[in-house]
Amino acid sequence: MLSRKYTKSSHVSFLNNILKFNQAKYRQWSPTAMLNAMQAIKDKNVSVRKAAKLYDVPLTTLRDRVDGRCSVETVKSGPEPLFSQEEEVRLVNFVSYMASLGYGLSRTHVLEVASDLAIYLGKRDRHHPLSMYWFYDFMGRWPELHVVKPRGLTAVRAQSASPKVIDRYFVELKSTLTKYNLLDKPQSIYNLDEKGISTEHRPPNIVAKRGVSSQAITSPRGANTTIIGCGNALGQQIPPYYIFAGNRMREELLSGCLPGLVSEFLDYITSIFVTKI
């Protein structure tokens, strides 16, 4: 009886080990590492085996791409991604760059940027934006990206207020202006910012009798309207863009505004913002 029980337990353990063994770790390599390995083979005459070891990518997977059996841009089985490898690299660099500036994009913002890019490239229309399924696939293709909770702005400001950091900022600013030949072109240097305006009435301090609780009539619910403004170093301005609360845009909200304003942000960028700068 003891022997039979022991045999059964061992058999179950053996089957569990088989299941664990067959659970292959699928595509644990980074697309960026694969591209770097391909570049090393092409430019530095590194062998395929050495490049696979240096950049920590599977040897067989790298060899398939070198021999042309598989496209360099292929990062997973199944349907091809919506964007090409180069387009996704640009998107990854943009997301990383915005996070380094302190303006990191949330999941929703990444989807909006990617949807606008897909519309601009003619791969999607406005009625079929990208979904969270695309976002999770995108994050799976780029393991160097991850969702993280950013630090509070107050702590960042406190650490960035030292003379050393400020001096470095102006050094980088001069380097950027020199690189793009903007030192003597203030008309080409623009600053864009947003301002939220609350429609809810905040009553001021009033004079009232002591011991009497005073009230002020306010609206039951308030909503913020965001205004995006932009101007250059000469003081010249371009028409603003308004963001109203709600799920659907009502054109009457733009009644009385500056002529030529549009409700779609992509139209605003292409027809107003780009043409003015």
Protein backbone atom coordinates (compact mmCIF):
# COMPACT_ATOMS: atom_id res chain seq x y z
CA MET A 1 0.00 0.00 0.00
CA LEU A 2 2.78 2.42 0.84
CA SER A 3 4.62 1.46 -2.30
CA ARG A 4 1.54 2.13 -4.47
CA LYS A 5 0.96 5.56 -2.86
CA TYR A 6 4.58 6.50 -3.36
CA THR A 7 4.46 5.41 -7.00
CA LYS A 8 1.34 7.49 -7.68
CA SER A 9 2.86 10.58 -6.05
CA SER A 10 6.05 10.16 -8.05
CA HIS A 11 4.05 9.80 -11.26
CA VAL A 12 2.14 13.04 -10.62
CA SER A 13 5.39 14.84 -9.84
CA PHE A 14 6.92 13.44 -13.03
CA LEU A 15 3.99 14.73 -15.12
CA ASN A 16 4.22 18.16 -13.51
CA ASN A 17 7.90 18.33 -14.37
CA ILE A 18 7.10 17.48 -18.00
CA LEU A 19 4.52 20.28 -18.14
CA LYS A 20 6.99 22.74 -16.67
CA PHE A 21 9.69 21.61 -19.08
CA ASN A 22 7.39 22.10 -22.08
CA GLN A 23 6.42 25.61 -21.01
CA ALA A 24 8.99 27.30 -23.24
CA LYS A 25 9.98 30.86 -22.56
CA TYR A 26 8.78 32.40 -25.79
CA ARG A 27 10.74 35.33 -27.23
CA GLN A 28 12.55 36.64 -24.20
CA TRP A 29 14.88 38.72 -26.36
CA SER A 30 14.61 42.42 -27.11
CA PRO A 31 13.96 43.64 -30.70
CA THR A 32 16.54 46.36 -30.10
CA ALA A 33 19.15 43.74 -29.16
CA MET A 34 18.33 41.77 -32.32
CA LEU A 35 18.79 44.87 -34.48
CA ASN A 36 22.10 45.65 -32.75
CA ALA A 37 23.29 42.09 -33.34
CA MET A 38 22.38 42.32 -37.03
CA GLN A 39 24.19 45.65 -37.28
CA ALA A 40 27.32 44.20 -35.64
CA ILE A 41 27.37 41.31 -38.10
CA LYS A 42 26.98 43.68 -41.04
CA ASP A 43 29.30 46.54 -40.02
CA LYS A 44 31.89 44.87 -37.79
CA ASN A 45 32.09 41.42 -39.43
CA VAL A 46 31.20 39.74 -36.14
CA SER A 47 30.28 36.07 -36.45
CA VAL A 48 26.66 35.06 -35.92
CA ARG A 49 27.51 32.94 -32.87
CA LYS A 50 29.54 35.73 -31.25
CA ALA A 51 26.87 38.37 -31.97
CA ALA A 52 24.19 36.13 -30.44
CA LYS A 53 26.28 35.79 -27.29
CA LEU A 54 27.22 39.48 -27.10
CA TYR A 55 23.65 40.77 -27.45
CA ASP A 56 21.91 37.89 -25.64
CA VAL A 57 19.66 36.77 -28.49
CA PRO A 58 18.88 33.20 -29.62
CA LEU A 59 21.45 31.84 -32.08
CA THR A 60 18.88 30.12 -34.31
CA THR A 61 16.62 33.17 -34.41
CA LEU A 62 19.52 35.42 -35.35
CA ARG A 63 20.76 32.99 -38.01
CA ASP A 64 17.28 32.83 -39.59
CA ARG A 65 17.36 36.60 -40.07
CA VAL A 66 20.94 36.65 -41.34
CA ASP A 67 20.22 33.90 -43.89
CA GLY A 68 17.01 35.59 -45.06
CA ARG A 69 14.66 32.84 -43.92
CA CYS A 70 12.85 35.35 -41.74
CA SER A 71 12.33 39.09 -41.99
CA VAL A 72 14.44 41.25 -39.72
CA GLU A 73 11.29 43.06 -38.60
CA THR A 74 9.53 39.86 -37.49
CA VAL A 75 9.32 39.78 -33.70
CA LYS A 76 6.52 37.27 -33.15
CA SER A 77 4.44 34.63 -34.92
CA GLY A 78 0.98 35.33 -36.23
CA PRO A 79 -0.28 38.43 -38.07
CA GLU A 80 2.25 41.15 -38.82
CA PRO A 81 2.18 44.19 -36.49
CA LEU A 82 0.39 47.29 -37.73
CA PHE A 83 3.59 49.37 -37.76
CA SER A 84 6.89 48.44 -39.28
CA GLN A 85 9.95 47.89 -37.11
CA GLU A 86 11.30 51.35 -37.95
CA GLU A 87 7.97 53.02 -37.17
CA GLU A 88 7.73 51.25 -33.82
CA VAL A 89 11.32 52.21 -33.00
CA ARG A 90 10.40 55.85 -33.56
CA LEU A 91 7.34 55.44 -31.32
CA VAL A 92 9.42 53.76 -28.60
CA ASN A 93 12.02 56.53 -28.76
CA PHE A 94 9.29 59.18 -28.52
CA VAL A 95 7.64 57.54 -25.50
CA SER A 96 11.01 57.15 -23.76
CA TYR A 97 12.01 60.72 -24.57
CA MET A 98 8.77 62.18 -23.19
CA ALA A 99 9.19 60.17 -19.98
CA SER A 100 12.75 61.48 -19.58
CA LEU A 101 11.42 65.04 -19.85
CA GLY A 102 8.89 64.48 -17.09
CA TYR A 103 5.90 64.32 -19.45
CA GLY A 104 5.47 60.56 -19.56
CA LEU A 105 2.56 59.14 -21.53
CA SER A 106 -0.11 57.01 -19.90
CA ARG A 107 -1.61 53.96 -21.58
CA THR A 108 -4.41 56.09 -23.01
CA HIS A 109 -1.99 58.72 -24.30
CA VAL A 110 0.20 56.09 -25.97
CA LEU A 111 -2.90 54.72 -27.71
CA GLU A 112 -3.89 58.21 -28.85
CA VAL A 113 -0.41 58.93 -30.24
CA ALA A 114 -0.24 55.54 -31.96
CA SER A 115 -3.74 55.96 -33.40
CA ASP A 116 -2.88 59.40 -34.76
CA LEU A 117 0.29 57.95 -36.30
CA ALA A 118 -1.69 55.10 -37.88
CA ILE A 119 -4.19 57.59 -39.32
CA TYR A 120 -1.37 59.80 -40.61
CA LEU A 121 0.27 56.80 -42.31
CA GLY A 122 -3.04 55.70 -43.82
CA LYS A 123 -3.15 52.43 -41.88
CA ARG A 124 -6.28 53.26 -39.88
CA ASP A 125 -9.17 55.72 -40.10
CA ARG A 126 -10.60 57.95 -37.40
CA HIS A 127 -13.46 55.54 -36.71
CA HIS A 128 -11.15 52.62 -35.89
CA PRO A 129 -8.57 53.74 -33.30
CA LEU A 130 -6.18 51.29 -31.72
CA SER A 131 -7.32 49.33 -28.68
CA MET A 132 -5.72 48.06 -25.50
CA TYR A 133 -5.05 44.75 -27.27
CA TRP A 134 -2.61 46.59 -29.54
CA PHE A 135 -1.04 48.29 -26.50
CA TYR A 136 -0.35 44.99 -24.71
CA ASP A 137 1.07 43.46 -27.90
CA PHE A 138 3.23 46.55 -28.35
CA MET A 139 4.55 46.32 -24.79
CA GLY A 140 5.23 42.62 -25.31
CA ARG A 141 7.32 43.40 -28.40
CA TRP A 142 9.36 45.97 -26.48
CA PRO A 143 10.26 44.53 -23.05
CA GLU A 144 12.50 47.53 -22.34
CA LEU A 145 9.30 49.53 -21.83
CA HIS A 146 7.19 49.11 -18.71
CA VAL A 147 4.38 50.90 -16.92
CA VAL A 148 5.69 52.73 -13.87
CA LYS A 149 4.26 55.22 -11.39
CA PRO A 150 6.22 58.50 -11.75
CA ARG A 151 7.60 60.42 -8.81
CA GLY A 152 5.85 63.53 -7.59
CA LEU A 153 6.77 66.74 -9.36
CA THR A 154 7.66 68.47 -6.10
CA ALA A 155 10.42 65.99 -5.33
CA VAL A 156 11.77 66.22 -8.86
CA ARG A 157 11.82 70.02 -8.71
CA ALA A 158 13.66 69.94 -5.41
CA GLN A 159 16.35 67.71 -6.89
CA SER A 160 16.55 69.78 -10.09
CA ALA A 161 17.02 73.16 -8.43
CA SER A 162 20.74 72.83 -7.74
CA PRO A 163 23.18 75.20 -9.51
CA LYS A 164 24.86 72.23 -11.19
CA VAL A 165 21.61 71.02 -12.76
CA ILE A 166 20.62 74.54 -13.86
CA ASP A 167 24.04 75.16 -15.43
CA ARG A 168 23.76 71.87 -17.28
CA TYR A 169 20.33 72.92 -18.58
CA PHE A 170 21.72 76.09 -20.17
CA VAL A 171 24.66 74.17 -21.63
CA GLU A 172 22.24 71.71 -23.23
CA LEU A 173 20.02 74.58 -24.40
CA LYS A 174 22.92 76.33 -26.14
CA SER A 175 24.03 73.04 -27.68
CA THR A 176 20.53 72.41 -29.04
CA LEU A 177 20.16 75.94 -30.43
CA THR A 178 23.57 75.67 -32.08
CA LYS A 179 22.83 72.23 -33.51
CA TYR A 180 19.65 73.42 -35.22
CA ASN A 181 21.01 76.88 -36.13
CA LEU A 182 18.51 78.78 -33.95
CA LEU A 183 20.79 81.13 -32.01
CA ASP A 184 19.81 84.12 -34.20
CA LYS A 185 16.29 82.93 -35.11
CA PRO A 186 13.94 83.83 -32.23
CA GLN A 187 11.01 83.67 -34.64
CA SER A 188 11.58 79.92 -34.90
CA ILE A 189 11.74 79.22 -31.15
CA TYR A 190 8.28 78.36 -29.83
CA ASN A 191 6.92 77.57 -26.39
CA LEU A 192 3.71 75.56 -26.02
CA ASP A 193 1.78 75.22 -22.76
CA GLU A 194 -1.68 74.39 -21.54
CA LYS A 195 -3.95 76.12 -19.03
CA GLY A 196 -6.99 74.66 -17.34
CA ILE A 197 -9.93 76.98 -16.64
CA SER A 198 -12.59 75.87 -14.18
CA THR A 199 -16.19 76.83 -14.94
CA GLU A 200 -17.19 76.32 -11.31
CA HIS A 201 -17.64 79.52 -9.34
CA ARG A 202 -15.36 79.79 -6.31
CA PRO A 203 -16.88 82.32 -3.97
CA PRO A 204 -14.49 84.91 -2.47
CA ASN A 205 -14.24 85.74 1.19
CA ILE A 206 -17.24 87.76 2.31
CA VAL A 207 -18.15 89.87 5.30
CA ALA A 208 -20.79 88.26 7.49
CA LYS A 209 -22.05 88.32 11.02
CA ARG A 210 -20.13 86.23 13.53
CA GLY A 211 -21.71 82.97 14.52
CA VAL A 212 -23.76 82.78 11.31
CA SER A 213 -22.94 80.10 8.75
CA SER A 214 -22.82 81.74 5.33
CA GLN A 215 -23.35 80.05 1.98
CA ALA A 216 -22.77 81.10 -1.60
CA ILE A 217 -24.69 79.93 -4.64
CA THR A 218 -22.48 77.93 -7.01
CA SER A 219 -23.05 75.59 -9.91
CA PRO A 220 -23.82 71.98 -8.91
CA ARG A 221 -21.08 70.54 -11.10
CA GLY A 222 -18.02 72.09 -12.64
CA ALA A 223 -15.78 71.09 -15.52
CA ASN A 224 -12.37 72.22 -16.69
CA THR A 225 -11.77 73.62 -20.15
CA THR A 226 -8.16 73.30 -21.31
CA ILE A 227 -6.58 75.88 -23.59
CA ILE A 228 -3.37 75.05 -25.45
CA GLY A 229 -1.45 78.19 -26.37
CA CYS A 230 1.77 78.63 -28.32
CA GLY A 231 4.03 81.59 -29.13
CA ASN A 232 7.58 82.27 -30.25
CA ALA A 233 10.42 84.29 -28.74
CA LEU A 234 9.36 87.40 -30.71
CA GLY A 235 5.96 87.41 -29.02
CA GLN A 236 4.06 86.16 -32.05
CA GLN A 237 1.19 83.81 -31.26
CA ILE A 238 -0.73 81.14 -33.12
CA PRO A 239 -4.45 80.43 -32.57
CA PRO A 240 -5.09 78.33 -29.44
CA TYR A 241 -6.70 74.92 -29.23
CA TYR A 242 -9.60 74.23 -26.85
CA ILE A 243 -10.32 70.95 -25.08
CA PHE A 244 -13.82 70.72 -23.62
CA ALA A 245 -15.20 68.15 -21.21
CA GLY A 246 -17.35 65.43 -22.75
CA ASN A 247 -17.15 62.40 -25.00
CA ARG A 248 -18.42 64.07 -28.19
CA MET A 249 -17.48 67.40 -29.67
CA ARG A 250 -20.21 69.99 -30.17
CA GLU A 251 -19.27 72.57 -32.78
CA GLU A 252 -21.36 75.26 -31.05
CA LEU A 253 -18.76 75.29 -28.28
CA LEU A 254 -16.43 77.08 -30.73
CA SER A 255 -19.01 79.78 -31.44
CA GLY A 256 -17.39 83.22 -31.17
CA CYS A 257 -13.80 81.93 -31.22
CA LEU A 258 -11.05 82.99 -33.60
CA PRO A 259 -11.81 82.16 -37.25
CA GLY A 260 -10.29 79.02 -38.68
CA LEU A 261 -10.17 76.94 -35.50
CA VAL A 262 -10.95 73.23 -35.81
CA SER A 263 -12.24 70.66 -33.34
CA GLU A 264 -9.96 67.73 -34.29
CA PHE A 265 -6.51 67.90 -32.73
CA LEU A 266 -4.78 66.24 -35.70
CA ASP A 267 -6.38 68.81 -38.03
CA TYR A 268 -5.22 71.57 -35.70
CA ILE A 269 -1.63 70.29 -35.83
CA THR A 270 -1.53 69.85 -39.61
CA SER A 271 -3.60 72.84 -40.78
CA ILE A 272 -2.79 75.48 -38.14
CA PHE A 273 0.17 74.60 -35.93
CA VAL A 274 2.52 73.33 -38.64
CA THR A 275 1.62 76.08 -41.12
CA LYS A 276 2.20 78.84 -38.56
CA ILE A 277 5.62 77.68 -37.42
